[in-house]
Amino acid sequence: MNKIKKWLIVSLLISLISGAFVVLLTFDSGTINALMEIRPEYILAAACIHAMTYVIWGMRTSSLCRALGHDVGYVRSIEIVTSGTLAASITPSSLGGEPLRVHLLHKQKMPLGKATAVVIGERIMDGIFILALAPISIYVIRGVLQDPIFDILFIFAEAGLIFILFLTLYAIWRPAPTKKVVYFLVHKIAPLLGKKTDAALEKIIMRADSELEHFHGSISVLLNEGRKGLAFGIFYTIAFWVVDFSMLYVILIGLNQYPDMVIVFAAQVIVLLLLAIPATPGASGIAEFAGTTVFSLFVASSVLGITVIAWRAFTFYMNVFVGSFVSFKILKDTDFIKRFLN
């Protein structure tokens, strides 16, 4: 638990300090007036909208599991995805959520390969959707901002996502080279973990080979007889991001700001690309400053700091709270989290 607390505290401290810095930079006489005129019903609505994304995400996971022949209920799927938000919030690029969700799906009697196919499949669908919107978003943003630094950051983030997406798709379509890479990594890493005997290595390789076969077989099933489930997965992916992007717009209405919704959506796509840079746990600090920079295009300076804090309150702090509650109080799966962070 000490390791979990350490990563969580580091992530929270970076976020809190960054948030406080952003507020101090943008605070003026208009900020106090804006705080006095906040419409709390819209802030509450924003919280409900973010909570709805958990439900949509859980429905996507459940539909993909059923497409692979495993009936994981909606409630359990929602618990699994919300639990993953804790690990995602304290690891760079939110990558910690995937192993935890795979583990929890495996506990629902899904083979590791199939559980991995579901989780990686979700990541691929998210990546494709965001990458597809990226050119449109950069075009929209460039209409109101001419900044070479912004262009450079966007290019790096886009290149990173394309690289990850390419590697994943290559692993799906070319299983043989993927296995060779996995075998090479097993031979290099296993001795460091104390697995030095040929028998132990052979057992690990056989397990890896079996799970890779499950993974590739599951992807094949999704693309063929599981196409209906895959179609639902794509639908839920689009619904998830539309709902999630709507949250910021509702927050702004609560702060008596009425920007163009298209710009609000485009800005969040750009921020997501910047958050793909694996610099800090849960993108703490990066998110606050990226949000401040991009949101300043359509948010008045006096309420910019409040906007960023409210946005992070739902996309980060709410995820930490809900993820912690589900992980430790409902699923009680602290052992895996400790092993993962150690």
Protein backbone atom coordinates (compact mmCIF):
# COMPACT_ATOMS: atom_id res chain seq x y z
CA MET A 1 0.00 0.00 0.00
CA ASN A 2 2.96 2.35 0.57
CA LYS A 3 3.79 2.24 -3.15
CA ILE A 4 0.19 3.08 -4.09
CA LYS A 5 0.12 5.96 -1.62
CA LYS A 6 3.45 7.25 -2.91
CA TRP A 7 2.33 7.37 -6.56
CA LEU A 8 -1.06 8.77 -5.59
CA ILE A 9 0.44 11.49 -3.40
CA VAL A 10 2.96 12.45 -6.10
CA SER A 11 0.22 12.64 -8.72
CA LEU A 12 -2.10 14.66 -6.47
CA LEU A 13 0.66 17.05 -5.37
CA ILE A 14 1.73 17.79 -8.94
CA SER A 15 -1.88 18.39 -9.93
CA LEU A 16 -2.67 20.57 -6.91
CA ILE A 17 0.46 22.69 -7.27
CA SER A 18 -0.09 23.10 -11.00
CA GLY A 19 -3.74 23.98 -10.46
CA ALA A 20 -2.90 26.54 -7.79
CA PHE A 21 -0.27 28.08 -10.08
CA VAL A 22 -2.79 28.32 -12.93
CA VAL A 23 -5.35 30.01 -10.66
CA LEU A 24 -2.78 32.52 -9.40
CA LEU A 25 -1.74 33.36 -12.97
CA THR A 26 -5.31 33.99 -14.09
CA PHE A 27 -6.80 35.50 -10.92
CA ASP A 28 -8.13 39.04 -11.18
CA SER A 29 -11.08 41.10 -9.97
CA GLY A 30 -13.38 39.38 -12.44
CA THR A 31 -12.58 35.99 -10.92
CA ILE A 32 -14.36 36.84 -7.66
CA ASN A 33 -17.44 38.00 -9.55
CA ALA A 34 -17.38 34.82 -11.62
CA LEU A 35 -17.23 32.71 -8.45
CA MET A 36 -20.22 34.58 -7.04
CA GLU A 37 -22.22 33.95 -10.22
CA ILE A 38 -21.51 30.24 -10.64
CA ARG A 39 -24.60 28.22 -11.55
CA PRO A 40 -24.21 25.12 -9.37
CA GLU A 41 -26.87 23.13 -11.20
CA TYR A 42 -24.67 23.04 -14.29
CA ILE A 43 -21.59 22.00 -12.31
CA LEU A 44 -23.65 19.16 -10.82
CA ALA A 45 -24.85 18.27 -14.31
CA ALA A 46 -21.21 18.11 -15.46
CA ALA A 47 -20.47 15.62 -12.68
CA CYS A 48 -23.43 13.50 -13.76
CA ILE A 49 -22.24 13.65 -17.38
CA HIS A 50 -18.80 12.36 -16.38
CA ALA A 51 -20.43 9.61 -14.32
CA MET A 52 -22.41 8.65 -17.43
CA THR A 53 -19.12 7.99 -19.25
CA TYR A 54 -18.43 5.18 -16.77
CA VAL A 55 -21.73 3.60 -17.72
CA ILE A 56 -21.09 3.92 -21.47
CA TRP A 57 -17.57 2.56 -21.05
CA GLY A 58 -18.88 -0.40 -19.08
CA MET A 59 -21.48 -1.11 -21.77
CA ARG A 60 -18.72 -1.11 -24.40
CA THR A 61 -16.63 -3.57 -22.39
CA SER A 62 -19.62 -5.82 -21.82
CA SER A 63 -20.56 -5.84 -25.52
CA LEU A 64 -17.01 -6.77 -26.58
CA CYS A 65 -16.86 -9.54 -23.96
CA ARG A 66 -20.14 -10.98 -25.22
CA ALA A 67 -18.84 -10.86 -28.78
CA LEU A 68 -16.06 -13.19 -27.60
CA GLY A 69 -18.50 -15.55 -25.94
CA HIS A 70 -18.19 -14.35 -22.33
CA ASP A 71 -21.15 -12.83 -20.53
CA VAL A 72 -19.77 -10.10 -18.28
CA GLY A 73 -22.72 -8.11 -16.95
CA TYR A 74 -23.10 -4.36 -17.28
CA VAL A 75 -22.74 -3.70 -13.55
CA ARG A 76 -19.58 -5.78 -13.25
CA SER A 77 -18.15 -4.18 -16.40
CA ILE A 78 -18.79 -0.70 -14.98
CA GLU A 79 -17.04 -1.73 -11.75
CA ILE A 80 -14.07 -3.01 -13.75
CA VAL A 81 -13.62 0.13 -15.85
CA THR A 82 -14.05 2.49 -12.90
CA SER A 83 -11.54 0.46 -10.91
CA GLY A 84 -9.08 0.91 -13.77
CA THR A 85 -9.35 4.70 -13.51
CA LEU A 86 -7.35 4.62 -10.25
CA ALA A 87 -4.31 2.93 -11.81
CA ALA A 88 -4.71 5.12 -14.90
CA SER A 89 -4.67 8.26 -12.74
CA ILE A 90 -1.29 7.47 -11.17
CA THR A 91 0.62 6.12 -14.18
CA PRO A 92 2.06 7.98 -17.21
CA SER A 93 -0.23 8.17 -20.26
CA SER A 94 -2.91 6.38 -18.15
CA LEU A 95 -1.32 3.07 -19.16
CA GLY A 96 -1.78 1.50 -15.74
CA GLY A 97 -5.51 1.06 -16.21
CA GLU A 98 -5.14 -1.53 -18.98
CA PRO A 99 -3.29 -4.27 -17.02
CA LEU A 100 -5.72 -3.90 -14.13
CA ARG A 101 -8.77 -4.22 -16.38
CA VAL A 102 -7.24 -7.27 -18.09
CA HIS A 103 -6.68 -8.83 -14.68
CA LEU A 104 -10.23 -8.12 -13.52
CA LEU A 105 -11.72 -9.51 -16.74
CA HIS A 106 -9.55 -12.59 -16.31
CA LYS A 107 -11.09 -13.02 -12.86
CA GLN A 108 -14.45 -13.24 -14.65
CA LYS A 109 -13.15 -16.50 -16.18
CA MET A 110 -12.03 -14.93 -19.46
CA PRO A 111 -8.73 -16.24 -20.89
CA LEU A 112 -5.98 -13.63 -20.60
CA GLY A 113 -5.67 -13.43 -24.38
CA LYS A 114 -9.37 -12.62 -24.81
CA ALA A 115 -9.34 -10.17 -21.90
CA THR A 116 -6.33 -8.48 -23.48
CA ALA A 117 -8.12 -8.36 -26.84
CA VAL A 118 -11.07 -6.54 -25.24
CA VAL A 119 -8.91 -3.97 -23.44
CA ILE A 120 -6.49 -3.40 -26.32
CA GLY A 121 -9.46 -3.31 -28.71
CA GLU A 122 -10.94 -0.46 -26.67
CA ARG A 123 -7.62 1.38 -26.72
CA ILE A 124 -7.38 0.95 -30.50
CA MET A 125 -10.92 2.24 -31.05
CA ASP A 126 -10.23 5.26 -28.85
CA GLY A 127 -6.95 5.89 -30.67
CA ILE A 128 -8.48 5.65 -34.11
CA PHE A 129 -11.35 7.95 -33.13
CA ILE A 130 -9.07 10.62 -31.64
CA LEU A 131 -6.58 10.36 -34.51
CA ALA A 132 -9.42 10.72 -37.01
CA LEU A 133 -10.59 13.91 -35.28
CA ALA A 134 -7.08 15.32 -34.86
CA PRO A 135 -6.67 16.85 -38.35
CA ILE A 136 -10.12 18.46 -38.13
CA SER A 137 -9.36 19.74 -34.63
CA ILE A 138 -6.01 21.22 -35.59
CA TYR A 139 -7.69 22.96 -38.53
CA VAL A 140 -10.35 24.45 -36.22
CA ILE A 141 -7.79 25.54 -33.62
CA ARG A 142 -5.43 27.01 -36.19
CA GLY A 143 -8.27 29.31 -37.19
CA VAL A 144 -7.97 31.09 -33.84
CA LEU A 145 -4.34 30.45 -32.90
CA GLN A 146 -1.08 30.85 -34.80
CA ASP A 147 1.64 29.45 -32.54
CA PRO A 148 4.62 27.43 -33.84
CA ILE A 149 5.25 25.93 -30.38
CA PHE A 150 1.72 24.58 -30.36
CA ASP A 151 2.25 23.04 -33.80
CA ILE A 152 5.45 21.31 -32.64
CA LEU A 153 3.79 19.86 -29.52
CA PHE A 154 0.86 18.63 -31.58
CA ILE A 155 3.15 16.97 -34.14
CA PHE A 156 5.06 15.10 -31.41
CA ALA A 157 1.86 13.93 -29.70
CA GLU A 158 0.31 12.87 -32.99
CA ALA A 159 3.47 11.02 -34.02
CA GLY A 160 3.56 9.22 -30.68
CA LEU A 161 -0.03 8.06 -30.96
CA ILE A 162 0.42 6.96 -34.56
CA PHE A 163 3.54 4.99 -33.56
CA ILE A 164 1.71 3.21 -30.73
CA LEU A 165 -1.29 2.55 -32.95
CA PHE A 166 0.95 1.19 -35.72
CA LEU A 167 2.76 -1.17 -33.32
CA THR A 168 -0.54 -2.47 -31.97
CA LEU A 169 -2.06 -3.02 -35.42
CA TYR A 170 1.16 -4.70 -36.59
CA ALA A 171 1.02 -7.05 -33.59
CA ILE A 172 -2.56 -7.96 -34.53
CA TRP A 173 -1.97 -8.62 -38.22
CA ARG A 174 1.53 -10.15 -37.98
CA PRO A 175 1.45 -12.55 -35.00
CA ALA A 176 4.62 -14.44 -35.97
CA PRO A 177 7.02 -11.45 -35.61
CA THR A 178 5.14 -10.45 -32.47
CA LYS A 179 5.84 -13.84 -30.92
CA LYS A 180 9.54 -13.52 -31.76
CA VAL A 181 9.71 -10.18 -29.98
CA VAL A 182 7.85 -11.59 -26.97
CA TYR A 183 10.17 -14.62 -26.81
CA PHE A 184 13.21 -12.32 -26.99
CA LEU A 185 11.85 -10.16 -24.15
CA VAL A 186 11.04 -13.25 -22.07
CA HIS A 187 14.61 -14.54 -22.42
CA LYS A 188 15.99 -11.15 -21.40
CA ILE A 189 13.60 -10.33 -18.58
CA ALA A 190 12.91 -13.73 -17.00
CA PRO A 191 16.47 -14.20 -15.61
CA LEU A 192 16.18 -10.81 -13.89
CA LEU A 193 13.06 -12.11 -12.14
CA GLY A 194 14.80 -15.25 -10.94
CA LYS A 195 13.54 -17.54 -13.73
CA LYS A 196 16.96 -18.81 -14.83
CA THR A 197 16.34 -22.47 -15.58
CA ASP A 198 15.46 -23.75 -19.04
CA ALA A 199 12.37 -25.46 -17.62
CA ALA A 200 11.11 -22.22 -16.09
CA LEU A 201 11.75 -20.30 -19.31
CA GLU A 202 9.99 -22.97 -21.35
CA LYS A 203 6.95 -22.74 -19.09
CA ILE A 204 6.83 -18.95 -19.43
CA ILE A 205 7.22 -19.15 -23.22
CA MET A 206 4.46 -21.74 -23.50
CA ARG A 207 2.17 -19.52 -21.43
CA ALA A 208 3.04 -16.46 -23.54
CA ASP A 209 2.47 -18.43 -26.74
CA SER A 210 -0.91 -19.65 -25.47
CA GLU A 211 -2.07 -16.17 -24.51
CA LEU A 212 -0.87 -14.66 -27.79
CA GLU A 213 -2.90 -17.29 -29.63
CA HIS A 214 -5.93 -16.36 -27.49
CA PHE A 215 -5.35 -12.68 -28.28
CA HIS A 216 -5.03 -13.09 -32.03
CA GLY A 217 -7.91 -15.54 -32.08
CA SER A 218 -10.07 -13.07 -30.18
CA ILE A 219 -9.28 -10.26 -32.60
CA SER A 220 -10.19 -12.59 -35.46
CA VAL A 221 -13.49 -13.43 -33.76
CA LEU A 222 -14.25 -9.72 -33.26
CA LEU A 223 -13.60 -9.01 -36.94
CA ASN A 224 -15.72 -11.94 -38.12
CA GLU A 225 -18.52 -13.57 -36.12
CA GLY A 226 -18.17 -10.91 -33.40
CA ARG A 227 -18.77 -8.05 -35.81
CA LYS A 228 -22.06 -7.18 -34.13
CA GLY A 229 -20.30 -6.75 -30.80
CA LEU A 230 -17.55 -4.78 -32.52
CA ALA A 231 -20.18 -2.53 -34.11
CA PHE A 232 -21.66 -1.86 -30.67
CA GLY A 233 -18.13 -1.19 -29.41
CA ILE A 234 -17.60 1.44 -32.10
CA PHE A 235 -20.98 3.01 -31.32
CA TYR A 236 -20.20 3.16 -27.59
CA THR A 237 -16.75 4.63 -28.35
CA ILE A 238 -18.29 7.52 -30.28
CA ALA A 239 -20.96 8.00 -27.59
CA PHE A 240 -18.33 7.93 -24.85
CA TRP A 241 -16.25 10.75 -26.32
CA VAL A 242 -19.22 12.89 -27.36
CA VAL A 243 -20.60 12.70 -23.82
CA ASP A 244 -17.18 13.24 -22.23
CA PHE A 245 -16.42 16.27 -24.41
CA SER A 246 -19.85 17.72 -23.57
CA MET A 247 -18.88 17.94 -19.89
CA LEU A 248 -16.53 20.89 -20.42
CA TYR A 249 -19.17 22.77 -22.38
CA VAL A 250 -21.64 22.32 -19.51
CA ILE A 251 -19.01 23.52 -17.02
CA LEU A 252 -18.53 26.66 -19.09
CA ILE A 253 -22.27 27.34 -19.15
CA GLY A 254 -22.19 27.02 -15.36
CA LEU A 255 -19.52 29.75 -15.39
CA ASN A 256 -21.64 31.90 -17.73
CA GLN A 257 -19.36 31.29 -20.70
CA TYR A 258 -20.90 30.47 -24.08
CA PRO A 259 -18.19 29.45 -26.56
CA ASP A 260 -18.65 27.64 -29.86
CA MET A 261 -19.20 23.95 -29.06
CA VAL A 262 -17.12 22.89 -32.07
CA ILE A 263 -14.10 24.77 -30.71
CA VAL A 264 -14.64 23.27 -27.25
CA PHE A 265 -14.66 19.74 -28.70
CA ALA A 266 -11.65 20.42 -30.95
CA ALA A 267 -9.65 21.86 -28.05
CA GLN A 268 -10.21 18.73 -25.97
CA VAL A 269 -8.95 16.52 -28.80
CA ILE A 270 -5.76 18.59 -28.90
CA VAL A 271 -5.37 18.34 -25.13
CA LEU A 272 -5.80 14.54 -25.30
CA LEU A 273 -2.98 14.37 -27.84
CA LEU A 274 -0.74 16.39 -25.54
CA LEU A 275 -1.64 14.16 -22.59
CA ALA A 276 -0.36 11.16 -24.55
CA ILE A 277 3.16 12.34 -23.69
CA PRO A 278 4.19 9.96 -20.85
CA ALA A 279 5.78 12.62 -18.66
CA THR A 280 4.01 12.48 -15.29
CA PRO A 281 1.66 10.15 -13.37
CA GLY A 282 -1.89 10.70 -14.58
CA ALA A 283 -0.60 13.55 -16.77
CA SER A 284 -0.62 15.74 -13.65
CA GLY A 285 0.82 19.16 -14.41
CA ILE A 286 0.77 18.48 -18.15
CA ALA A 287 -3.04 18.47 -18.11
CA GLU A 288 -3.33 21.70 -16.13
CA PHE A 289 -0.92 23.67 -18.30
CA ALA A 290 -2.11 22.12 -21.57
CA GLY A 291 -5.70 22.88 -20.60
CA THR A 292 -4.80 26.45 -19.65
CA THR A 293 -3.01 27.04 -22.94
CA VAL A 294 -5.66 25.54 -25.21
CA PHE A 295 -8.77 26.60 -23.29
CA SER A 296 -7.55 30.21 -23.24
CA LEU A 297 -8.64 30.34 -26.89
CA PHE A 298 -12.30 30.50 -25.91
CA VAL A 299 -12.45 31.13 -22.14
CA ALA A 300 -12.16 34.56 -20.53
CA SER A 301 -8.92 34.95 -18.55
CA SER A 302 -10.77 35.73 -15.31
CA VAL A 303 -12.45 32.30 -15.28
CA LEU A 304 -9.73 30.31 -17.04
CA GLY A 305 -8.19 28.99 -13.82
CA ILE A 306 -11.60 28.04 -12.43
CA THR A 307 -12.44 26.24 -15.67
CA VAL A 308 -9.25 24.18 -15.62
CA ILE A 309 -9.74 23.29 -11.93
CA ALA A 310 -13.35 22.24 -12.51
CA TRP A 311 -12.39 20.20 -15.60
CA ARG A 312 -9.62 18.40 -13.69
CA ALA A 313 -11.91 17.90 -10.71
CA PHE A 314 -14.02 15.56 -12.84
CA THR A 315 -11.46 14.08 -15.25
CA PHE A 316 -8.85 13.39 -12.56
CA TYR A 317 -9.99 13.78 -8.95
CA MET A 318 -13.37 12.17 -9.55
CA ASN A 319 -11.64 9.27 -11.31
CA VAL A 320 -9.26 8.83 -8.37
CA PHE A 321 -12.12 8.90 -5.84
CA VAL A 322 -14.45 6.58 -7.74
CA GLY A 323 -11.61 4.27 -8.80
CA SER A 324 -10.34 4.03 -5.22
CA PHE A 325 -13.79 3.32 -3.83
CA VAL A 326 -14.55 0.58 -6.35
CA SER A 327 -11.08 -1.00 -6.13
CA PHE A 328 -10.80 -1.13 -2.37
CA LYS A 329 -14.41 -1.26 -1.18
CA ILE A 330 -16.23 -3.25 -3.86
CA LEU A 331 -13.73 -5.36 -5.82
CA LYS A 332 -11.19 -5.48 -2.96
CA ASP A 333 -8.44 -6.16 -5.47
CA THR A 334 -5.55 -4.38 -3.76
CA ASP A 335 -3.06 -7.24 -4.19
CA PHE A 336 -2.80 -6.85 -7.96
CA ILE A 337 -2.51 -3.07 -7.72
CA LYS A 338 0.36 -3.46 -5.23
CA ARG A 339 2.11 -6.00 -7.47
CA PHE A 340 1.67 -3.77 -10.51
CA LEU A 341 3.08 -0.67 -8.85
CA ASN A 342 5.93 -2.57 -7.25
